[in-house]
PDB file of N, CA and C in Angstrom:
ATOM      1  N   MET A   1     153.850 103.359 191.611  1.00  0.00           N
ATOM      2  CA  MET A   1     154.707 103.867 190.552  1.00  0.00           C
ATOM      3  C   MET A   1     153.852 104.701 189.599  1.00  0.00           C
ATOM      4  N   ASP A   2     154.507 105.501 188.833  1.00  0.00           N
ATOM      5  CA  ASP A   2     153.800 106.453 187.983  1.00  0.00           C
ATOM      6  C   ASP A   2     153.740 106.022 186.521  1.00  0.00           C
ATOM      7  N   GLY A   3     154.008 104.776 186.218  1.00  0.00           N
ATOM      8  CA  GLY A   3     153.998 104.306 184.846  1.00  0.00           C
ATOM      9  C   GLY A   3     155.352 104.398 184.163  1.00  0.00           C
ATOM     10  N   THR A   4     156.341 104.924 184.840  1.00  0.00           N
ATOM     11  CA  THR A   4     157.691 104.994 184.302  1.00  0.00           C
ATOM     12  C   THR A   4     158.266 103.588 184.227  1.00  0.00           C
ATOM     13  N   ALA A   5     158.934 103.292 183.126  1.00  0.00           N
ATOM     14  CA  ALA A   5     159.528 101.967 182.967  1.00  0.00           C
ATOM     15  C   ALA A   5     160.642 101.757 183.992  1.00  0.00           C
ATOM     16  N   VAL A   6     160.630 100.591 184.579  1.00  0.00           N
ATOM     17  CA  VAL A   6     161.663 100.200 185.540  1.00  0.00           C
ATOM     18  C   VAL A   6     162.381  98.995 184.956  1.00  0.00           C
ATOM     19  N   SER A   7     163.690  99.054 184.904  1.00  0.00           N
ATOM     20  CA  SER A   7     164.458  97.938 184.353  1.00  0.00           C
ATOM     21  C   SER A   7     164.854  96.971 185.467  1.00  0.00           C
ATOM     22  N   TRP A   8     165.215  95.775 185.053  1.00  0.00           N
ATOM     23  CA  TRP A   8     165.717  94.811 186.036  1.00  0.00           C
ATOM     24  C   TRP A   8     167.021  95.320 186.640  1.00  0.00           C
ATOM     25  N   ALA A   9     167.796  96.071 185.872  1.00  0.00           N
ATOM     26  CA  ALA A   9     169.024  96.659 186.420  1.00  0.00           C
ATOM     27  C   ALA A   9     168.681  97.624 187.556  1.00  0.00           C
ATOM     28  N   ASP A  10     167.606  98.412 187.383  1.00  0.00           N
ATOM     29  CA  ASP A  10     167.157  99.312 188.453  1.00  0.00           C
ATOM     30  C   ASP A  10     166.832  98.523 189.717  1.00  0.00           C
ATOM     31  N   LEU A  11     166.152  97.404 189.544  1.00  0.00           N
ATOM     32  CA  LEU A  11     165.763  96.580 190.689  1.00  0.00           C
ATOM     33  C   LEU A  11     166.974  95.913 191.333  1.00  0.00           C
ATOM     34  N   LEU A  12     167.885  95.415 190.517  1.00  0.00           N
ATOM     35  CA  LEU A  12     169.066  94.751 191.070  1.00  0.00           C
ATOM     36  C   LEU A  12     169.960  95.727 191.825  1.00  0.00           C
ATOM     37  N   GLN A  13     169.993  96.983 191.377  1.00  0.00           N
ATOM     38  CA  GLN A  13     170.768  97.999 192.102  1.00  0.00           C
ATOM     39  C   GLN A  13     170.174  98.261 193.479  1.00  0.00           C
ATOM     40  N   ARG A  14     168.910  97.931 193.651  1.00  0.00           N
ATOM     41  CA  ARG A  14     168.211  98.140 194.925  1.00  0.00           C
ATOM     42  C   ARG A  14     167.885  96.808 195.596  1.00  0.00           C
ATOM     43  N   TRP A  15     168.706  95.802 195.352  1.00  0.00           N
ATOM     44  CA  TRP A  15     168.387  94.452 195.819  1.00  0.00           C
ATOM     45  C   TRP A  15     168.142  94.377 197.324  1.00  0.00           C
ATOM     46  N   ALA A  16     168.879  95.120 198.117  1.00  0.00           N
ATOM     47  CA  ALA A  16     168.659  95.087 199.573  1.00  0.00           C
ATOM     48  C   ALA A  16     167.235  95.531 199.909  1.00  0.00           C
ATOM     49  N   LEU A  17     166.731  96.531 199.190  1.00  0.00           N
ATOM     50  CA  LEU A  17     165.352  96.980 199.404  1.00  0.00           C
ATOM     51  C   LEU A  17     164.359  95.932 198.918  1.00  0.00           C
ATOM     52  N   VAL A  18     164.630  95.358 197.748  1.00  0.00           N
ATOM     53  CA  VAL A  18     163.760  94.311 197.198  1.00  0.00           C
ATOM     54  C   VAL A  18     163.678  93.146 198.176  1.00  0.00           C
ATOM     55  N   GLU A  19     164.827  92.727 198.673  1.00  0.00           N
ATOM     56  CA  GLU A  19     164.877  91.600 199.606  1.00  0.00           C
ATOM     57  C   GLU A  19     164.089  91.899 200.883  1.00  0.00           C
ATOM     58  N   ALA A  20     164.275  93.095 201.434  1.00  0.00           N
ATOM     59  CA  ALA A  20     163.536  93.476 202.646  1.00  0.00           C
ATOM     60  C   ALA A  20     162.037  93.547 202.372  1.00  0.00           C
ATOM     61  N   ASP A  21     161.660  94.090 201.216  1.00  0.00           N
ATOM     62  CA  ASP A  21     160.240  94.197 200.874  1.00  0.00           C
ATOM     63  C   ASP A  21     159.609  92.834 200.604  1.00  0.00           C
ATOM     64  N   LEU A  22     160.339  91.931 199.985  1.00  0.00           N
ATOM     65  CA  LEU A  22     159.804  90.580 199.778  1.00  0.00           C
ATOM     66  C   LEU A  22     159.459  89.946 201.119  1.00  0.00           C
ATOM     67  N   HIS A  23     160.301  90.208 202.107  1.00  0.00           N
ATOM     68  CA  HIS A  23     160.052  89.641 203.432  1.00  0.00           C
ATOM     69  C   HIS A  23     158.868  90.320 204.109  1.00  0.00           C
ATOM     70  N   SER A  24     158.834  91.652 204.088  1.00  0.00           N
ATOM     71  CA  SER A  24     157.753  92.349 204.802  1.00  0.00           C
ATOM     72  C   SER A  24     156.406  92.232 204.098  1.00  0.00           C
ATOM     73  N   GLU A  25     156.400  92.198 202.772  1.00  0.00           N
ATOM     74  CA  GLU A  25     155.131  92.136 202.034  1.00  0.00           C
ATOM     75  C   GLU A  25     154.592  90.722 201.889  1.00  0.00           C
ATOM     76  N   TYR A  26     155.484  89.753 201.660  1.00  0.00           N
ATOM     77  CA  TYR A  26     155.050  88.390 201.338  1.00  0.00           C
ATOM     78  C   TYR A  26     155.555  87.332 202.306  1.00  0.00           C
ATOM     79  N   GLY A  27     156.393  87.722 203.255  1.00  0.00           N
ATOM     80  CA  GLY A  27     156.965  86.741 204.175  1.00  0.00           C
ATOM     81  C   GLY A  27     158.004  85.851 203.519  1.00  0.00           C
ATOM     82  N   VAL A  28     158.562  86.303 202.405  1.00  0.00           N
ATOM     83  CA  VAL A  28     159.548  85.530 201.653  1.00  0.00           C
ATOM     84  C   VAL A  28     160.945  85.904 202.125  1.00  0.00           C
ATOM     85  N   ASP A  29     161.657  84.942 202.681  1.00  0.00           N
ATOM     86  CA  ASP A  29     163.046  85.134 203.091  1.00  0.00           C
ATOM     87  C   ASP A  29     163.920  84.503 202.019  1.00  0.00           C
ATOM     88  N   VAL A  30     164.499  85.322 201.154  1.00  0.00           N
ATOM     89  CA  VAL A  30     165.273  84.774 200.043  1.00  0.00           C
ATOM     90  C   VAL A  30     166.547  84.079 200.496  1.00  0.00           C
ATOM     91  N   ASP A  31     166.937  84.270 201.761  1.00  0.00           N
ATOM     92  CA  ASP A  31     168.100  83.560 202.298  1.00  0.00           C
ATOM     93  C   ASP A  31     167.751  82.170 202.818  1.00  0.00           C
ATOM     94  N   GLN A  32     166.472  81.835 202.830  1.00  0.00           N
ATOM     95  CA  GLN A  32     166.065  80.509 203.300  1.00  0.00           C
ATOM     96  C   GLN A  32     166.654  79.453 202.367  1.00  0.00           C
ATOM     97  N   PRO A  33     167.439  78.540 202.914  1.00  0.00           N
ATOM     98  CA  PRO A  33     168.084  77.529 202.067  1.00  0.00           C
ATOM     99  C   PRO A  33     167.074  76.759 201.210  1.00  0.00           C
ATOM    100  N   GLY A  34     167.349  76.723 199.920  1.00  0.00           N
ATOM    101  CA  GLY A  34     166.540  75.947 198.991  1.00  0.00           C
ATOM    102  C   GLY A  34     165.257  76.608 198.523  1.00  0.00           C
ATOM    103  N   LEU A  35     164.868  77.730 199.122  1.00  0.00           N
ATOM    104  CA  LEU A  35     163.595  78.351 198.752  1.00  0.00           C
ATOM    105  C   LEU A  35     163.517  78.658 197.265  1.00  0.00           C
ATOM    106  N   LEU A  36     164.515  79.349 196.755  1.00  0.00           N
ATOM    107  CA  LEU A  36     164.461  79.748 195.353  1.00  0.00           C
ATOM    108  C   LEU A  36     164.685  78.580 194.398  1.00  0.00           C
ATOM    109  N   LEU A  37     165.201  77.481 194.910  1.00  0.00           N
ATOM    110  CA  LEU A  37     165.351  76.291 194.070  1.00  0.00           C
ATOM    111  C   LEU A  37     164.015  75.597 193.847  1.00  0.00           C
ATOM    112  N   THR A  38     163.064  75.831 194.756  1.00  0.00           N
ATOM    113  CA  THR A  38     161.760  75.169 194.650  1.00  0.00           C
ATOM    114  C   THR A  38     160.702  76.061 194.012  1.00  0.00           C
ATOM    115  N   ARG A  39     161.069  77.266 193.637  1.00  0.00           N
ATOM    116  CA  ARG A  39     160.127  78.208 193.028  1.00  0.00           C
ATOM    117  C   ARG A  39     160.546  78.509 191.599  1.00  0.00           C
ATOM    118  N   THR A  40     159.585  78.923 190.798  1.00  0.00           N
ATOM    119  CA  THR A  40     159.879  79.261 189.405  1.00  0.00           C
ATOM    120  C   THR A  40     160.300  80.722 189.294  1.00  0.00           C
ATOM    121  N   TRP A  41     160.913  81.033 188.170  1.00  0.00           N
ATOM    122  CA  TRP A  41     161.260  82.419 187.888  1.00  0.00           C
ATOM    123  C   TRP A  41     159.988  83.261 187.873  1.00  0.00           C
ATOM    124  N   ARG A  42     158.900  82.739 187.316  1.00  0.00           N
ATOM    125  CA  ARG A  42     157.636  83.470 187.267  1.00  0.00           C
ATOM    126  C   ARG A  42     157.157  83.821 188.675  1.00  0.00           C
ATOM    127  N   TRP A  43     157.258  82.889 189.600  1.00  0.00           N
ATOM    128  CA  TRP A  43     156.836  83.108 190.988  1.00  0.00           C
ATOM    129  C   TRP A  43     157.570  84.311 191.586  1.00  0.00           C
ATOM    130  N   LEU A  44     158.886  84.352 191.403  1.00  0.00           N
ATOM    131  CA  LEU A  44     159.684  85.452 191.941  1.00  0.00           C
ATOM    132  C   LEU A  44     159.384  86.757 191.211  1.00  0.00           C
ATOM    133  N   ARG A  45     159.281  86.693 189.902  1.00  0.00           N
ATOM    134  CA  ARG A  45     159.017  87.883 189.079  1.00  0.00           C
ATOM    135  C   ARG A  45     157.702  88.549 189.477  1.00  0.00           C
ATOM    136  N   VAL A  46     156.647  87.759 189.644  1.00  0.00           N
ATOM    137  CA  VAL A  46     155.339  88.300 190.023  1.00  0.00           C
ATOM    138  C   VAL A  46     155.432  89.048 191.344  1.00  0.00           C
ATOM    139  N   ARG A  47     156.141  88.489 192.297  1.00  0.00           N
ATOM    140  CA  ARG A  47     156.256  89.132 193.602  1.00  0.00           C
ATOM    141  C   ARG A  47     157.113  90.391 193.552  1.00  0.00           C
ATOM    142  N   ILE A  48     158.200  90.339 192.816  1.00  0.00           N
ATOM    143  CA  ILE A  48     159.041  91.534 192.698  1.00  0.00           C
ATOM    144  C   ILE A  48     158.273  92.648 191.999  1.00  0.00           C
ATOM    145  N   LEU A  49     157.578  92.332 190.924  1.00  0.00           N
ATOM    146  CA  LEU A  49     156.804  93.362 190.233  1.00  0.00           C
ATOM    147  C   LEU A  49     155.663  93.870 191.105  1.00  0.00           C
ATOM    148  N   GLY A  50     155.126  93.009 191.947  1.00  0.00           N
ATOM    149  CA  GLY A  50     154.088  93.428 192.883  1.00  0.00           C
ATOM    150  C   GLY A  50     154.580  94.477 193.860  1.00  0.00           C
ATOM    151  N   LEU A  51     155.861  94.449 194.161  1.00  0.00           N
ATOM    152  CA  LEU A  51     156.430  95.448 195.069  1.00  0.00           C
ATOM    153  C   LEU A  51     156.342  96.855 194.488  1.00  0.00           C
ATOM    154  N   LEU A  52     156.269  96.931 193.169  1.00  0.00           N
ATOM    155  CA  LEU A  52     156.215  98.238 192.517  1.00  0.00           C
ATOM    156  C   LEU A  52     154.836  98.877 192.611  1.00  0.00           C
ATOM    157  N   SER A  53     153.798  98.072 192.845  1.00  0.00           N
ATOM    158  CA  SER A  53     152.444  98.624 192.922  1.00  0.00           C
ATOM    159  C   SER A  53     151.967  98.805 194.357  1.00  0.00           C
ATOM    160  N   ALA A  54     152.827  98.518 195.315  1.00  0.00           N
ATOM    161  CA  ALA A  54     152.500  98.702 196.732  1.00  0.00           C
ATOM    162  C   ALA A  54     153.369  99.832 197.294  1.00  0.00           C
ATOM    163  N   ASP A  55     153.015 100.290 198.474  1.00  0.00           N
ATOM    164  CA  ASP A  55     153.821 101.328 199.129  1.00  0.00           C
ATOM    165  C   ASP A  55     154.996 100.648 199.827  1.00  0.00           C
ATOM    166  N   THR A  56     156.038 100.377 199.046  1.00  0.00           N
ATOM    167  CA  THR A  56     157.203  99.658 199.554  1.00  0.00           C
ATOM    168  C   THR A  56     158.450 100.527 199.442  1.00  0.00           C
ATOM    169  N   ARG A  57     159.494 100.097 200.127  1.00  0.00           N
ATOM    170  CA  ARG A  57     160.783 100.793 200.033  1.00  0.00           C
ATOM    171  C   ARG A  57     161.265 100.815 198.591  1.00  0.00           C
ATOM    172  N   THR A  58     161.068  99.695 197.898  1.00  0.00           N
ATOM    173  CA  THR A  58     161.510  99.595 196.508  1.00  0.00           C
ATOM    174  C   THR A  58     160.790 100.622 195.645  1.00  0.00           C
ATOM    175  N   ALA A  59     159.477 100.651 195.732  1.00  0.00           N
ATOM    176  CA  ALA A  59     158.693 101.597 194.924  1.00  0.00           C
ATOM    177  C   ALA A  59     159.055 103.037 195.265  1.00  0.00           C
ATOM    178  N   ARG A  60     159.195 103.331 196.539  1.00  0.00           N
ATOM    179  CA  ARG A  60     159.539 104.704 196.941  1.00  0.00           C
ATOM    180  C   ARG A  60     160.921 105.109 196.441  1.00  0.00           C
ATOM    181  N   SER A  61     161.859 104.166 196.409  1.00  0.00           N
ATOM    182  CA  SER A  61     163.212 104.511 195.950  1.00  0.00           C
ATOM    183  C   SER A  61     163.248 104.798 194.456  1.00  0.00           C
ATOM    184  N   LEU A  62     162.276 104.273 193.730  1.00  0.00           N
ATOM    185  CA  LEU A  62     162.219 104.487 192.285  1.00  0.00           C
ATOM    186  C   LEU A  62     161.407 105.719 191.913  1.00  0.00           C
ATOM    187  N   THR A  63     160.723 106.305 192.884  1.00  0.00           N
ATOM    188  CA  THR A  63     159.951 107.525 192.649  1.00  0.00           C
ATOM    189  C   THR A  63     160.240 108.524 193.765  1.00  0.00           C
ATOM    190  N   PRO A  64     161.488 108.951 193.899  1.00  0.00           N
ATOM    191  CA  PRO A  64     161.857 109.823 195.014  1.00  0.00           C
ATOM    192  C   PRO A  64     161.120 111.156 195.030  1.00  0.00           C
ATOM    193  N   GLU A  65     160.717 111.662 193.874  1.00  0.00           N
ATOM    194  CA  GLU A  65     160.014 112.946 193.852  1.00  0.00           C
ATOM    195  C   GLU A  65     158.650 112.852 194.524  1.00  0.00           C
ATOM    196  N   ASP A  66     158.067 111.659 194.596  1.00  0.00           N
ATOM    197  CA  ASP A  66     156.770 111.475 195.239  1.00  0.00           C
ATOM    198  C   ASP A  66     156.863 111.564 196.755  1.00  0.00           C
ATOM    199  N   ARG A  67     158.025 111.390 197.323  1.00  0.00           N
ATOM    200  CA  ARG A  67     158.177 111.429 198.776  1.00  0.00           C
ATOM    201  C   ARG A  67     157.680 112.748 199.352  1.00  0.00           C
ATOM    202  N   HIS A  68     157.932 113.818 198.639  1.00  0.00           N
ATOM    203  CA  HIS A  68     157.550 115.134 199.138  1.00  0.00           C
ATOM    204  C   HIS A  68     156.036 115.298 199.174  1.00  0.00           C
ATOM    205  N   HIS A  69     155.336 114.614 198.296  1.00  0.00           N
ATOM    206  CA  HIS A  69     153.880 114.716 198.236  1.00  0.00           C
ATOM    207  C   HIS A  69     153.204 113.838 199.272  1.00  0.00           C
ATOM    208  N   ARG A  70     153.891 112.831 199.777  1.00  0.00           N
ATOM    209  CA  ARG A  70     153.297 111.884 200.719  1.00  0.00           C
ATOM    210  C   ARG A  70     153.381 112.362 202.155  1.00  0.00           C
ATOM    211  N   ARG A  71     154.236 113.306 202.445  1.00  0.00           N
ATOM    212  CA  ARG A  71     154.433 113.745 203.837  1.00  0.00           C
ATOM    213  C   ARG A  71     153.320 114.630 204.305  1.00  0.00           C
TER     214      ARG A  71
END
């Protein structure tokens, strides 16, 4: 990301990407029964924010102008 502020609303609008990235980056399947009941909000927040500093679908969707520079 380029330092632009990202809101939780921005992330929730891209939840399908966040969910896929959580699985591919961390092996976290948010559909696993009981998983999120055994984890803290901080645990999830750290991982979601981590998606913004990696080359993920979520990060790329929030910086579409960068796509042209990466090709």
